[in-house]
Amino acid sequence: MKTWDLIDMDAPSGTRSPVVLHSEDEQARAVLIVLHPGQALGDHEVREGAFVTVVDGAVTVELGDESFAGGPGTLFYFEPHERHSIASADGARILLVLARWPAPGHYEDGERELAQG
């Protein structure tokens, strides 16, 4: 068993330094992302299904023409390739879980070797 303290874990550069908590091929990847006040994960999509849980603070999720607010305990799910953005006016901690990791086709030719160093 592994445990993580998502409230006190250090991520000093906000969105520029997400903390990969767990990453296991054919399973899932869990990533802690700290949004400093005013930071956002701009319009994007991922190849995997994505669960996003607000651990602390508050976020606004934009999905097409719709906007959704979420505070601590809110869980969002995004289908693979579903475009969205996540922003926080006052700062937030979010837990991102990508499942299945990596999704088929996540890496293009040669990218997997580059990502593994």
N, C-alpha and C. Protein backbone atom coordinates (compact mmCIF):
# COMPACT_ATOMS: atom_id res chain seq x y z
N MET A 1 0.83 -1.16 0.00
CA MET A 1 0.00 0.00 0.00
C MET A 1 0.89 1.24 0.00
N LYS A 2 0.42 2.27 -0.68
CA LYS A 2 1.10 3.56 -0.69
C LYS A 2 0.08 4.61 -0.26
N THR A 3 0.56 5.66 0.38
CA THR A 3 -0.32 6.77 0.75
C THR A 3 0.37 8.09 0.42
N TRP A 4 -0.44 9.13 0.20
CA TRP A 4 0.07 10.45 -0.09
C TRP A 4 -0.77 11.48 0.65
N ASP A 5 -0.14 12.52 1.17
CA ASP A 5 -0.83 13.64 1.80
C ASP A 5 -0.99 14.72 0.74
N LEU A 6 -2.14 14.75 0.10
CA LEU A 6 -2.36 15.64 -1.04
C LEU A 6 -2.47 17.11 -0.64
N ILE A 7 -2.73 17.37 0.63
CA ILE A 7 -2.85 18.75 1.09
C ILE A 7 -1.47 19.37 1.33
N ASP A 8 -0.57 18.64 1.96
CA ASP A 8 0.73 19.19 2.33
C ASP A 8 1.85 18.91 1.34
N MET A 9 1.60 18.10 0.32
CA MET A 9 2.64 17.75 -0.64
C MET A 9 3.09 19.01 -1.40
N ASP A 10 4.41 19.16 -1.55
CA ASP A 10 4.98 20.33 -2.19
C ASP A 10 4.90 20.24 -3.71
N ALA A 11 4.46 21.32 -4.33
CA ALA A 11 4.47 21.48 -5.78
C ALA A 11 4.70 22.97 -6.04
N PRO A 12 5.95 23.43 -5.85
CA PRO A 12 6.24 24.86 -5.78
C PRO A 12 5.98 25.67 -7.04
N SER A 13 5.99 25.04 -8.19
CA SER A 13 5.81 25.81 -9.43
C SER A 13 4.41 25.67 -10.01
N GLY A 14 3.47 25.23 -9.24
CA GLY A 14 2.09 25.12 -9.72
C GLY A 14 2.00 24.20 -10.92
N THR A 15 1.31 24.66 -11.95
CA THR A 15 1.05 23.81 -13.11
C THR A 15 2.33 23.40 -13.83
N ARG A 16 3.43 24.08 -13.59
CA ARG A 16 4.69 23.72 -14.26
C ARG A 16 5.40 22.56 -13.57
N SER A 17 4.91 22.13 -12.41
CA SER A 17 5.56 21.01 -11.72
C SER A 17 4.54 20.05 -11.14
N PRO A 18 3.72 19.43 -11.99
CA PRO A 18 2.81 18.43 -11.45
C PRO A 18 3.60 17.29 -10.83
N VAL A 19 3.02 16.66 -9.82
CA VAL A 19 3.69 15.59 -9.11
C VAL A 19 3.05 14.26 -9.51
N VAL A 20 3.79 13.41 -10.22
CA VAL A 20 3.28 12.09 -10.57
C VAL A 20 3.36 11.22 -9.32
N LEU A 21 2.21 10.83 -8.81
CA LEU A 21 2.15 10.03 -7.60
C LEU A 21 2.29 8.54 -7.90
N HIS A 22 1.70 8.12 -9.00
CA HIS A 22 1.70 6.71 -9.35
C HIS A 22 1.54 6.60 -10.86
N SER A 23 2.27 5.71 -11.47
CA SER A 23 2.13 5.48 -12.90
C SER A 23 2.49 4.04 -13.18
N GLU A 24 1.53 3.28 -13.59
CA GLU A 24 1.72 1.85 -13.83
C GLU A 24 1.11 1.51 -15.18
N ASP A 25 1.95 1.01 -16.10
CA ASP A 25 1.45 0.64 -17.41
C ASP A 25 0.27 -0.31 -17.30
N GLU A 26 -0.69 -0.12 -18.16
CA GLU A 26 -1.90 -0.93 -18.26
C GLU A 26 -2.85 -0.70 -17.08
N GLN A 27 -2.54 0.23 -16.20
CA GLN A 27 -3.42 0.52 -15.07
C GLN A 27 -3.86 1.97 -15.12
N ALA A 28 -3.20 2.81 -14.36
CA ALA A 28 -3.60 4.20 -14.25
C ALA A 28 -2.40 5.06 -13.90
N ARG A 29 -2.58 6.36 -14.05
CA ARG A 29 -1.58 7.34 -13.63
C ARG A 29 -2.31 8.34 -12.74
N ALA A 30 -1.74 8.64 -11.58
CA ALA A 30 -2.30 9.63 -10.65
C ALA A 30 -1.32 10.79 -10.53
N VAL A 31 -1.83 12.01 -10.70
CA VAL A 31 -0.99 13.19 -10.72
C VAL A 31 -1.63 14.28 -9.86
N LEU A 32 -0.84 14.85 -8.94
CA LEU A 32 -1.29 15.99 -8.17
C LEU A 32 -0.89 17.26 -8.92
N ILE A 33 -1.86 18.14 -9.15
CA ILE A 33 -1.61 19.40 -9.83
C ILE A 33 -2.05 20.53 -8.91
N VAL A 34 -1.14 21.46 -8.66
CA VAL A 34 -1.45 22.62 -7.84
C VAL A 34 -1.64 23.80 -8.79
N LEU A 35 -2.81 24.41 -8.72
CA LEU A 35 -3.09 25.62 -9.49
C LEU A 35 -2.92 26.80 -8.55
N HIS A 36 -1.91 27.62 -8.79
CA HIS A 36 -1.74 28.84 -8.01
C HIS A 36 -2.84 29.82 -8.41
N PRO A 37 -3.13 30.83 -7.60
CA PRO A 37 -4.18 31.79 -7.95
C PRO A 37 -3.99 32.33 -9.37
N GLY A 38 -5.05 32.24 -10.15
CA GLY A 38 -5.03 32.71 -11.52
C GLY A 38 -4.50 31.73 -12.54
N GLN A 39 -3.96 30.60 -12.11
CA GLN A 39 -3.43 29.61 -13.07
C GLN A 39 -4.55 28.79 -13.67
N ALA A 40 -4.26 28.23 -14.85
CA ALA A 40 -5.25 27.41 -15.55
C ALA A 40 -4.55 26.32 -16.36
N LEU A 41 -5.25 25.24 -16.55
CA LEU A 41 -4.88 24.24 -17.55
C LEU A 41 -5.76 24.60 -18.74
N GLY A 42 -5.19 25.29 -19.71
CA GLY A 42 -5.95 25.80 -20.85
C GLY A 42 -6.64 24.70 -21.63
N ASP A 43 -7.38 25.09 -22.63
CA ASP A 43 -8.16 24.16 -23.44
C ASP A 43 -7.27 23.01 -23.92
N HIS A 44 -7.63 21.79 -23.54
CA HIS A 44 -6.84 20.61 -23.88
C HIS A 44 -7.71 19.36 -23.84
N GLU A 45 -7.11 18.27 -24.24
CA GLU A 45 -7.75 16.95 -24.16
C GLU A 45 -6.65 15.93 -23.87
N VAL A 46 -7.06 14.79 -23.36
CA VAL A 46 -6.12 13.68 -23.17
C VAL A 46 -6.70 12.45 -23.85
N ARG A 47 -5.85 11.50 -24.14
CA ARG A 47 -6.28 10.29 -24.83
C ARG A 47 -6.96 9.30 -23.89
N GLU A 48 -6.68 9.42 -22.60
CA GLU A 48 -7.27 8.52 -21.61
C GLU A 48 -8.56 9.12 -21.06
N GLY A 49 -9.36 8.29 -20.36
CA GLY A 49 -10.43 8.83 -19.55
C GLY A 49 -9.77 9.54 -18.38
N ALA A 50 -10.30 10.68 -17.97
CA ALA A 50 -9.65 11.47 -16.92
C ALA A 50 -10.63 11.79 -15.80
N PHE A 51 -10.26 11.36 -14.59
CA PHE A 51 -11.00 11.73 -13.39
C PHE A 51 -10.24 12.87 -12.73
N VAL A 52 -10.93 13.95 -12.41
CA VAL A 52 -10.32 15.09 -11.72
C VAL A 52 -11.10 15.34 -10.45
N THR A 53 -10.40 15.26 -9.31
CA THR A 53 -11.01 15.52 -8.01
C THR A 53 -10.43 16.80 -7.44
N VAL A 54 -11.29 17.69 -6.99
CA VAL A 54 -10.82 18.90 -6.31
C VAL A 54 -10.52 18.51 -4.87
N VAL A 55 -9.25 18.64 -4.49
CA VAL A 55 -8.81 18.27 -3.15
C VAL A 55 -8.94 19.47 -2.22
N ASP A 56 -8.59 20.65 -2.73
CA ASP A 56 -8.61 21.87 -1.92
C ASP A 56 -8.81 23.05 -2.85
N GLY A 57 -9.48 24.09 -2.38
CA GLY A 57 -9.71 25.27 -3.19
C GLY A 57 -10.92 25.10 -4.08
N ALA A 58 -10.96 25.88 -5.15
CA ALA A 58 -12.10 25.85 -6.07
C ALA A 58 -11.62 26.02 -7.50
N VAL A 59 -12.33 25.36 -8.42
CA VAL A 59 -11.99 25.44 -9.84
C VAL A 59 -13.24 25.78 -10.65
N THR A 60 -12.97 26.25 -11.84
CA THR A 60 -14.01 26.42 -12.84
C THR A 60 -13.61 25.58 -14.05
N VAL A 61 -14.51 24.71 -14.48
CA VAL A 61 -14.26 23.86 -15.63
C VAL A 61 -15.09 24.39 -16.79
N GLU A 62 -14.45 24.61 -17.92
CA GLU A 62 -15.13 25.02 -19.15
C GLU A 62 -15.15 23.82 -20.07
N LEU A 63 -16.34 23.51 -20.57
CA LEU A 63 -16.54 22.39 -21.47
C LEU A 63 -17.47 22.89 -22.57
N GLY A 64 -16.89 23.20 -23.74
CA GLY A 64 -17.69 23.80 -24.79
C GLY A 64 -18.22 25.16 -24.32
N ASP A 65 -19.52 25.35 -24.42
CA ASP A 65 -20.14 26.60 -23.99
C ASP A 65 -20.59 26.56 -22.55
N GLU A 66 -20.33 25.46 -21.85
CA GLU A 66 -20.78 25.31 -20.47
C GLU A 66 -19.65 25.54 -19.48
N SER A 67 -20.03 26.01 -18.29
CA SER A 67 -19.08 26.26 -17.22
C SER A 67 -19.60 25.60 -15.95
N PHE A 68 -18.68 24.94 -15.23
CA PHE A 68 -19.05 24.22 -14.01
C PHE A 68 -18.09 24.62 -12.90
N ALA A 69 -18.63 24.86 -11.71
CA ALA A 69 -17.80 25.18 -10.55
C ALA A 69 -17.63 23.93 -9.70
N GLY A 70 -16.47 23.80 -9.07
CA GLY A 70 -16.23 22.67 -8.19
C GLY A 70 -15.35 23.05 -7.02
N GLY A 71 -15.72 22.58 -5.84
CA GLY A 71 -14.94 22.80 -4.63
C GLY A 71 -14.45 21.48 -4.08
N PRO A 72 -13.90 21.49 -2.88
CA PRO A 72 -13.35 20.27 -2.30
C PRO A 72 -14.36 19.12 -2.32
N GLY A 73 -13.91 17.98 -2.81
CA GLY A 73 -14.77 16.81 -2.89
C GLY A 73 -15.48 16.64 -4.21
N THR A 74 -15.40 17.64 -5.10
CA THR A 74 -16.05 17.52 -6.41
C THR A 74 -15.22 16.62 -7.31
N LEU A 75 -15.89 15.70 -7.99
CA LEU A 75 -15.24 14.79 -8.93
C LEU A 75 -15.80 15.04 -10.32
N PHE A 76 -14.90 15.29 -11.26
CA PHE A 76 -15.27 15.44 -12.67
C PHE A 76 -14.73 14.23 -13.43
N TYR A 77 -15.45 13.81 -14.48
CA TYR A 77 -14.93 12.78 -15.37
C TYR A 77 -15.00 13.30 -16.79
N PHE A 78 -13.91 13.15 -17.53
CA PHE A 78 -13.83 13.55 -18.93
C PHE A 78 -13.59 12.31 -19.78
N GLU A 79 -14.39 12.16 -20.80
CA GLU A 79 -14.20 11.06 -21.75
C GLU A 79 -12.89 11.27 -22.50
N PRO A 80 -12.29 10.21 -23.04
CA PRO A 80 -11.10 10.40 -23.86
C PRO A 80 -11.39 11.40 -24.99
N HIS A 81 -10.47 12.31 -25.20
CA HIS A 81 -10.53 13.33 -26.25
C HIS A 81 -11.60 14.40 -26.02
N GLU A 82 -12.17 14.48 -24.83
CA GLU A 82 -13.16 15.51 -24.53
C GLU A 82 -12.41 16.80 -24.15
N ARG A 83 -12.54 17.84 -24.97
CA ARG A 83 -11.81 19.08 -24.74
C ARG A 83 -12.41 19.86 -23.58
N HIS A 84 -11.52 20.40 -22.74
CA HIS A 84 -11.96 21.14 -21.57
C HIS A 84 -10.82 22.03 -21.07
N SER A 85 -11.13 22.93 -20.16
CA SER A 85 -10.10 23.70 -19.46
C SER A 85 -10.48 23.75 -17.99
N ILE A 86 -9.47 23.93 -17.14
CA ILE A 86 -9.68 24.01 -15.69
C ILE A 86 -8.90 25.21 -15.19
N ALA A 87 -9.57 26.11 -14.48
CA ALA A 87 -8.93 27.32 -13.96
C ALA A 87 -9.29 27.50 -12.49
N SER A 88 -8.44 28.26 -11.80
CA SER A 88 -8.72 28.58 -10.41
C SER A 88 -8.36 30.03 -10.13
N ALA A 89 -9.34 30.81 -9.73
CA ALA A 89 -9.10 32.22 -9.42
C ALA A 89 -8.27 32.38 -8.14
N ASP A 90 -8.55 31.56 -7.13
CA ASP A 90 -7.90 31.71 -5.83
C ASP A 90 -6.92 30.59 -5.49
N GLY A 91 -6.72 29.65 -6.39
CA GLY A 91 -5.82 28.53 -6.16
C GLY A 91 -6.56 27.26 -5.79
N ALA A 92 -5.99 26.12 -6.17
CA ALA A 92 -6.63 24.83 -5.89
C ALA A 92 -5.60 23.72 -6.02
N ARG A 93 -5.92 22.59 -5.41
CA ARG A 93 -5.17 21.35 -5.59
C ARG A 93 -6.15 20.36 -6.22
N ILE A 94 -5.72 19.74 -7.30
CA ILE A 94 -6.56 18.75 -7.96
C ILE A 94 -5.78 17.46 -8.14
N LEU A 95 -6.49 16.36 -8.05
CA LEU A 95 -5.91 15.05 -8.30
C LEU A 95 -6.45 14.57 -9.64
N LEU A 96 -5.54 14.30 -10.56
CA LEU A 96 -5.87 13.80 -11.88
C LEU A 96 -5.55 12.31 -11.93
N VAL A 97 -6.52 11.50 -12.31
CA VAL A 97 -6.28 10.06 -12.50
C VAL A 97 -6.63 9.73 -13.94
N LEU A 98 -5.64 9.25 -14.67
CA LEU A 98 -5.82 8.85 -16.06
C LEU A 98 -5.95 7.34 -16.10
N ALA A 99 -7.02 6.85 -16.70
CA ALA A 99 -7.23 5.41 -16.75
C ALA A 99 -7.82 5.06 -18.12
N ARG A 100 -7.37 4.17 -18.67
CA ARG A 100 -6.24 3.27 -18.61
C ARG A 100 -5.01 4.03 -19.07
N TRP A 101 -3.90 3.79 -18.38
CA TRP A 101 -2.67 4.51 -18.70
C TRP A 101 -1.64 3.55 -19.27
N PRO A 102 -0.97 3.87 -20.34
CA PRO A 102 -1.42 4.87 -21.31
C PRO A 102 -2.50 4.28 -22.19
N ALA A 103 -3.37 5.12 -22.68
CA ALA A 103 -4.42 4.66 -23.59
C ALA A 103 -3.78 4.18 -24.89
N PRO A 104 -4.43 3.24 -25.56
CA PRO A 104 -3.90 2.83 -26.87
C PRO A 104 -3.74 4.07 -27.75
N GLY A 105 -2.58 4.20 -28.36
CA GLY A 105 -2.32 5.35 -29.23
C GLY A 105 -1.83 6.59 -28.51
N HIS A 106 -1.62 6.50 -27.17
CA HIS A 106 -1.14 7.69 -26.45
C HIS A 106 0.19 8.16 -27.00
N TYR A 107 1.11 7.22 -27.18
CA TYR A 107 2.43 7.56 -27.71
C TYR A 107 2.46 7.29 -29.21
N GLU A 108 3.00 8.25 -29.94
CA GLU A 108 3.23 8.03 -31.36
C GLU A 108 4.59 7.35 -31.51
N ASP A 109 4.93 6.92 -32.70
CA ASP A 109 6.18 6.20 -32.93
C ASP A 109 7.36 6.90 -32.28
N GLY A 110 8.07 6.19 -31.41
CA GLY A 110 9.28 6.69 -30.78
C GLY A 110 9.05 7.55 -29.54
N GLU A 111 7.86 8.01 -29.30
CA GLU A 111 7.61 8.89 -28.15
C GLU A 111 7.75 8.16 -26.81
N ARG A 112 7.34 6.92 -26.76
CA ARG A 112 7.40 6.17 -25.49
C ARG A 112 8.85 6.08 -25.00
N GLU A 113 9.77 5.78 -25.90
CA GLU A 113 11.17 5.67 -25.52
C GLU A 113 11.70 7.03 -25.03
N LEU A 114 11.30 8.12 -25.67
CA LEU A 114 11.73 9.44 -25.24
C LEU A 114 11.17 9.78 -23.86
N ALA A 115 9.93 9.42 -23.60
CA ALA A 115 9.29 9.73 -22.32
C ALA A 115 9.93 8.95 -21.18
N GLN A 116 10.43 7.77 -21.46
CA GLN A 116 11.04 6.95 -20.42
C GLN A 116 12.50 7.28 -20.20
N GLY A 117 13.04 8.15 -21.05
CA GLY A 117 14.43 8.60 -20.87
C GLY A 117 15.38 7.64 -21.40
